[in-house]
Amino acid sequence: MNAQSISAAAEVICRAMSKNTVPATIAVALESKGLLISPDAVALLQGLRAEADALRAKLEIAERRNADLAEQLEERTRQLNGLLDTLSYDEKAVPA
């Protein structure tokens, strides 16, 4: 429930009712303020929300995997640096 939307709709309805209007006029007033939405738009919005939820879940998985890979890289880098530190200067030299 969106309290802001309900409040806006209630305000439009109250203004329209104060003019002794018929229900259709109230509906027109709501539509003119952008407070009505078609069933097709509702279905589209629900689909988009579901898609957004699925994408957020995939992003969370990818971010966790990225963090795991970053930890693995750090560990491998430490191991490699440890091995390189054990080599003598001559062993580190690359032949020309």
N, C-alpha and C. Protein backbone atom coordinates (compact mmCIF):
# COMPACT_ATOMS: atom_id res chain seq x y z
N MET A 1 0.84 -1.17 0.00
CA MET A 1 0.00 0.00 0.00
C MET A 1 0.89 1.24 0.00
N ASN A 2 0.57 2.15 -0.89
CA ASN A 2 1.35 3.38 -1.01
C ASN A 2 0.53 4.52 -0.42
N ALA A 3 0.91 4.93 0.78
CA ALA A 3 0.16 5.97 1.50
C ALA A 3 0.11 7.28 0.72
N GLN A 4 1.17 7.60 0.03
CA GLN A 4 1.22 8.85 -0.74
C GLN A 4 0.20 8.81 -1.88
N SER A 5 0.11 7.68 -2.59
CA SER A 5 -0.86 7.55 -3.67
C SER A 5 -2.29 7.60 -3.15
N ILE A 6 -2.52 6.92 -2.03
CA ILE A 6 -3.86 6.91 -1.44
C ILE A 6 -4.26 8.31 -1.01
N SER A 7 -3.34 9.01 -0.41
CA SER A 7 -3.62 10.39 0.02
C SER A 7 -3.93 11.28 -1.18
N ALA A 8 -3.16 11.14 -2.24
CA ALA A 8 -3.40 11.95 -3.44
C ALA A 8 -4.75 11.62 -4.05
N ALA A 9 -5.10 10.33 -4.11
CA ALA A 9 -6.39 9.92 -4.66
C ALA A 9 -7.53 10.44 -3.79
N ALA A 10 -7.37 10.33 -2.48
CA ALA A 10 -8.42 10.81 -1.57
C ALA A 10 -8.65 12.31 -1.74
N GLU A 11 -7.58 13.05 -1.94
CA GLU A 11 -7.70 14.49 -2.15
C GLU A 11 -8.47 14.80 -3.42
N VAL A 12 -8.14 14.10 -4.50
CA VAL A 12 -8.84 14.30 -5.78
C VAL A 12 -10.32 13.93 -5.64
N ILE A 13 -10.60 12.83 -4.97
CA ILE A 13 -11.99 12.39 -4.79
C ILE A 13 -12.77 13.40 -3.96
N CYS A 14 -12.19 13.87 -2.88
CA CYS A 14 -12.87 14.86 -2.03
C CYS A 14 -13.19 16.13 -2.81
N ARG A 15 -12.24 16.60 -3.60
CA ARG A 15 -12.48 17.80 -4.40
C ARG A 15 -13.60 17.57 -5.41
N ALA A 16 -13.58 16.41 -6.06
CA ALA A 16 -14.61 16.10 -7.05
C ALA A 16 -15.97 15.93 -6.39
N MET A 17 -16.02 15.30 -5.22
CA MET A 17 -17.29 15.08 -4.52
C MET A 17 -17.89 16.39 -4.01
N SER A 18 -17.03 17.33 -3.67
CA SER A 18 -17.54 18.61 -3.17
C SER A 18 -18.29 19.38 -4.25
N LYS A 19 -18.10 18.96 -5.50
CA LYS A 19 -18.79 19.62 -6.62
C LYS A 19 -20.03 18.81 -7.03
N ASN A 20 -20.45 17.83 -6.18
CA ASN A 20 -21.62 16.99 -6.46
C ASN A 20 -21.51 16.32 -7.83
N THR A 21 -20.37 15.70 -8.05
CA THR A 21 -20.14 15.05 -9.34
C THR A 21 -20.58 13.59 -9.31
N VAL A 22 -20.70 13.03 -10.48
CA VAL A 22 -21.06 11.61 -10.61
C VAL A 22 -19.77 10.78 -10.55
N PRO A 23 -19.86 9.45 -10.29
CA PRO A 23 -18.66 8.63 -10.19
C PRO A 23 -17.75 8.71 -11.41
N ALA A 24 -18.32 8.82 -12.59
CA ALA A 24 -17.48 8.91 -13.79
C ALA A 24 -16.62 10.15 -13.76
N THR A 25 -17.13 11.23 -13.24
CA THR A 25 -16.36 12.47 -13.15
C THR A 25 -15.21 12.30 -12.18
N ILE A 26 -15.46 11.58 -11.09
CA ILE A 26 -14.39 11.30 -10.13
C ILE A 26 -13.30 10.46 -10.80
N ALA A 27 -13.72 9.47 -11.58
CA ALA A 27 -12.75 8.63 -12.29
C ALA A 27 -11.93 9.46 -13.27
N VAL A 28 -12.59 10.37 -13.97
CA VAL A 28 -11.88 11.25 -14.91
C VAL A 28 -10.88 12.12 -14.15
N ALA A 29 -11.29 12.62 -12.99
CA ALA A 29 -10.39 13.45 -12.19
C ALA A 29 -9.17 12.63 -11.74
N LEU A 30 -9.40 11.38 -11.32
CA LEU A 30 -8.28 10.52 -10.93
C LEU A 30 -7.35 10.26 -12.12
N GLU A 31 -7.94 9.97 -13.27
CA GLU A 31 -7.13 9.71 -14.46
C GLU A 31 -6.31 10.93 -14.86
N SER A 32 -6.91 12.10 -14.78
CA SER A 32 -6.20 13.32 -15.18
C SER A 32 -5.01 13.61 -14.27
N LYS A 33 -5.06 13.11 -13.05
CA LYS A 33 -3.93 13.29 -12.12
C LYS A 33 -2.95 12.12 -12.19
N GLY A 34 -3.22 11.19 -13.11
CA GLY A 34 -2.32 10.05 -13.28
C GLY A 34 -2.42 9.04 -12.17
N LEU A 35 -3.58 8.96 -11.52
CA LEU A 35 -3.73 8.06 -10.39
C LEU A 35 -4.41 6.74 -10.74
N LEU A 36 -4.84 6.58 -11.98
CA LEU A 36 -5.41 5.31 -12.43
C LEU A 36 -4.40 4.60 -13.30
N ILE A 37 -4.44 3.28 -13.28
CA ILE A 37 -3.50 2.49 -14.07
C ILE A 37 -4.28 1.34 -14.70
N SER A 38 -3.99 1.06 -15.95
CA SER A 38 -4.72 0.01 -16.68
C SER A 38 -4.28 -1.37 -16.22
N PRO A 39 -5.13 -2.39 -16.41
CA PRO A 39 -4.72 -3.75 -16.07
C PRO A 39 -3.46 -4.19 -16.83
N ASP A 40 -3.33 -3.76 -18.07
CA ASP A 40 -2.11 -4.09 -18.83
C ASP A 40 -0.88 -3.48 -18.18
N ALA A 41 -1.01 -2.24 -17.73
CA ALA A 41 0.12 -1.57 -17.09
C ALA A 41 0.45 -2.25 -15.76
N VAL A 42 -0.58 -2.69 -15.03
CA VAL A 42 -0.36 -3.41 -13.77
C VAL A 42 0.41 -4.70 -14.04
N ALA A 43 -0.02 -5.44 -15.06
CA ALA A 43 0.65 -6.70 -15.41
C ALA A 43 2.10 -6.44 -15.81
N LEU A 44 2.31 -5.40 -16.61
CA LEU A 44 3.67 -5.06 -17.03
C LEU A 44 4.52 -4.69 -15.82
N LEU A 45 3.97 -3.89 -14.94
CA LEU A 45 4.70 -3.47 -13.74
C LEU A 45 5.05 -4.67 -12.86
N GLN A 46 4.11 -5.58 -12.69
CA GLN A 46 4.39 -6.79 -11.90
C GLN A 46 5.49 -7.62 -12.55
N GLY A 47 5.45 -7.74 -13.87
CA GLY A 47 6.50 -8.47 -14.58
C GLY A 47 7.85 -7.81 -14.41
N LEU A 48 7.87 -6.49 -14.51
CA LEU A 48 9.14 -5.76 -14.35
C LEU A 48 9.68 -5.89 -12.93
N ARG A 49 8.78 -5.86 -11.95
CA ARG A 49 9.23 -6.03 -10.56
C ARG A 49 9.81 -7.42 -10.35
N ALA A 50 9.16 -8.44 -10.91
CA ALA A 50 9.67 -9.80 -10.79
C ALA A 50 11.04 -9.92 -11.46
N GLU A 51 11.17 -9.32 -12.64
CA GLU A 51 12.45 -9.34 -13.34
C GLU A 51 13.53 -8.62 -12.55
N ALA A 52 13.18 -7.49 -11.95
CA ALA A 52 14.13 -6.74 -11.13
C ALA A 52 14.57 -7.57 -9.93
N ASP A 53 13.62 -8.28 -9.30
CA ASP A 53 13.97 -9.14 -8.16
C ASP A 53 14.93 -10.24 -8.59
N ALA A 54 14.66 -10.85 -9.74
CA ALA A 54 15.54 -11.91 -10.25
C ALA A 54 16.93 -11.36 -10.56
N LEU A 55 16.99 -10.18 -11.14
CA LEU A 55 18.28 -9.58 -11.46
C LEU A 55 19.05 -9.20 -10.20
N ARG A 56 18.33 -8.71 -9.18
CA ARG A 56 19.00 -8.40 -7.91
C ARG A 56 19.59 -9.67 -7.29
N ALA A 57 18.86 -10.78 -7.37
CA ALA A 57 19.36 -12.05 -6.83
C ALA A 57 20.61 -12.49 -7.59
N LYS A 58 20.59 -12.36 -8.92
CA LYS A 58 21.77 -12.73 -9.72
C LYS A 58 22.95 -11.82 -9.41
N LEU A 59 22.68 -10.55 -9.21
CA LEU A 59 23.75 -9.61 -8.87
C LEU A 59 24.38 -9.97 -7.53
N GLU A 60 23.55 -10.33 -6.57
CA GLU A 60 24.07 -10.72 -5.26
C GLU A 60 24.98 -11.94 -5.38
N ILE A 61 24.56 -12.92 -6.17
CA ILE A 61 25.38 -14.12 -6.39
C ILE A 61 26.71 -13.73 -7.05
N ALA A 62 26.64 -12.89 -8.07
CA ALA A 62 27.85 -12.46 -8.78
C ALA A 62 28.79 -11.69 -7.86
N GLU A 63 28.23 -10.84 -7.01
CA GLU A 63 29.07 -10.06 -6.09
C GLU A 63 29.76 -10.97 -5.07
N ARG A 64 29.03 -11.99 -4.59
CA ARG A 64 29.65 -12.95 -3.66
C ARG A 64 30.77 -13.72 -4.35
N ARG A 65 30.53 -14.14 -5.58
CA ARG A 65 31.54 -14.88 -6.35
C ARG A 65 32.76 -14.00 -6.61
N ASN A 66 32.51 -12.74 -6.92
CA ASN A 66 33.60 -11.79 -7.15
C ASN A 66 34.44 -11.63 -5.88
N ALA A 67 33.79 -11.54 -4.74
CA ALA A 67 34.51 -11.41 -3.47
C ALA A 67 35.34 -12.67 -3.21
N ASP A 68 34.77 -13.85 -3.50
CA ASP A 68 35.51 -15.10 -3.32
C ASP A 68 36.74 -15.14 -4.23
N LEU A 69 36.57 -14.73 -5.47
CA LEU A 69 37.69 -14.73 -6.41
C LEU A 69 38.77 -13.73 -5.99
N ALA A 70 38.35 -12.59 -5.47
CA ALA A 70 39.32 -11.59 -5.01
C ALA A 70 40.14 -12.15 -3.85
N GLU A 71 39.49 -12.88 -2.94
CA GLU A 71 40.22 -13.50 -1.83
C GLU A 71 41.20 -14.55 -2.35
N GLN A 72 40.76 -15.34 -3.32
CA GLN A 72 41.65 -16.35 -3.90
C GLN A 72 42.86 -15.70 -4.58
N LEU A 73 42.62 -14.61 -5.29
CA LEU A 73 43.71 -13.90 -5.95
C LEU A 73 44.71 -13.36 -4.93
N GLU A 74 44.20 -12.79 -3.85
CA GLU A 74 45.10 -12.28 -2.81
C GLU A 74 45.95 -13.41 -2.23
N GLU A 75 45.32 -14.56 -1.96
CA GLU A 75 46.05 -15.70 -1.41
C GLU A 75 47.11 -16.19 -2.39
N ARG A 76 46.77 -16.31 -3.67
CA ARG A 76 47.74 -16.76 -4.68
C ARG A 76 48.88 -15.75 -4.82
N THR A 77 48.56 -14.48 -4.73
CA THR A 77 49.59 -13.44 -4.82
C THR A 77 50.54 -13.55 -3.64
N ARG A 78 49.99 -13.77 -2.44
CA ARG A 78 50.86 -13.94 -1.27
C ARG A 78 51.76 -15.17 -1.44
N GLN A 79 51.19 -16.27 -1.94
CA GLN A 79 51.98 -17.48 -2.16
C GLN A 79 53.09 -17.24 -3.17
N LEU A 80 52.75 -16.58 -4.27
CA LEU A 80 53.74 -16.31 -5.31
C LEU A 80 54.84 -15.39 -4.79
N ASN A 81 54.45 -14.36 -4.07
CA ASN A 81 55.46 -13.44 -3.51
C ASN A 81 56.36 -14.17 -2.51
N GLY A 82 55.78 -15.09 -1.75
CA GLY A 82 56.58 -15.89 -0.82
C GLY A 82 57.60 -16.74 -1.55
N LEU A 83 57.18 -17.36 -2.65
CA LEU A 83 58.11 -18.17 -3.45
C LEU A 83 59.19 -17.30 -4.07
N LEU A 84 58.80 -16.15 -4.59
CA LEU A 84 59.79 -15.26 -5.21
C LEU A 84 60.80 -14.75 -4.18
N ASP A 85 60.36 -14.52 -2.96
CA ASP A 85 61.27 -14.04 -1.91
C ASP A 85 62.32 -15.09 -1.56
N THR A 86 62.00 -16.38 -1.76
CA THR A 86 62.96 -17.44 -1.41
C THR A 86 64.03 -17.61 -2.48
N LEU A 87 63.81 -17.09 -3.66
CA LEU A 87 64.79 -17.22 -4.75
C LEU A 87 65.95 -16.25 -4.53
N SER A 88 67.12 -16.64 -4.97
CA SER A 88 68.27 -15.72 -4.88
C SER A 88 68.15 -14.73 -6.04
N TYR A 89 68.96 -13.69 -5.97
CA TYR A 89 68.92 -12.65 -7.00
C TYR A 89 69.18 -13.22 -8.38
N ASP A 90 70.16 -14.12 -8.51
CA ASP A 90 70.51 -14.69 -9.81
C ASP A 90 69.38 -15.54 -10.38
N GLU A 91 68.64 -16.21 -9.51
CA GLU A 91 67.55 -17.05 -9.97
C GLU A 91 66.40 -16.21 -10.49
N LYS A 92 66.29 -14.97 -10.01
CA LYS A 92 65.22 -14.08 -10.45
C LYS A 92 65.52 -13.47 -11.80
N ALA A 93 66.77 -13.44 -12.17
CA ALA A 93 67.19 -12.78 -13.42
C ALA A 93 66.61 -13.52 -14.60
N VAL A 94 66.15 -12.77 -15.57
CA VAL A 94 65.62 -13.35 -16.80
C VAL A 94 66.72 -13.28 -17.84
N PRO A 95 67.03 -14.40 -18.49
CA PRO A 95 68.10 -14.37 -19.51
C PRO A 95 67.79 -13.39 -20.62
N ALA A 96 68.81 -12.74 -21.11
CA ALA A 96 68.63 -11.74 -22.16
C ALA A 96 68.54 -12.39 -23.51
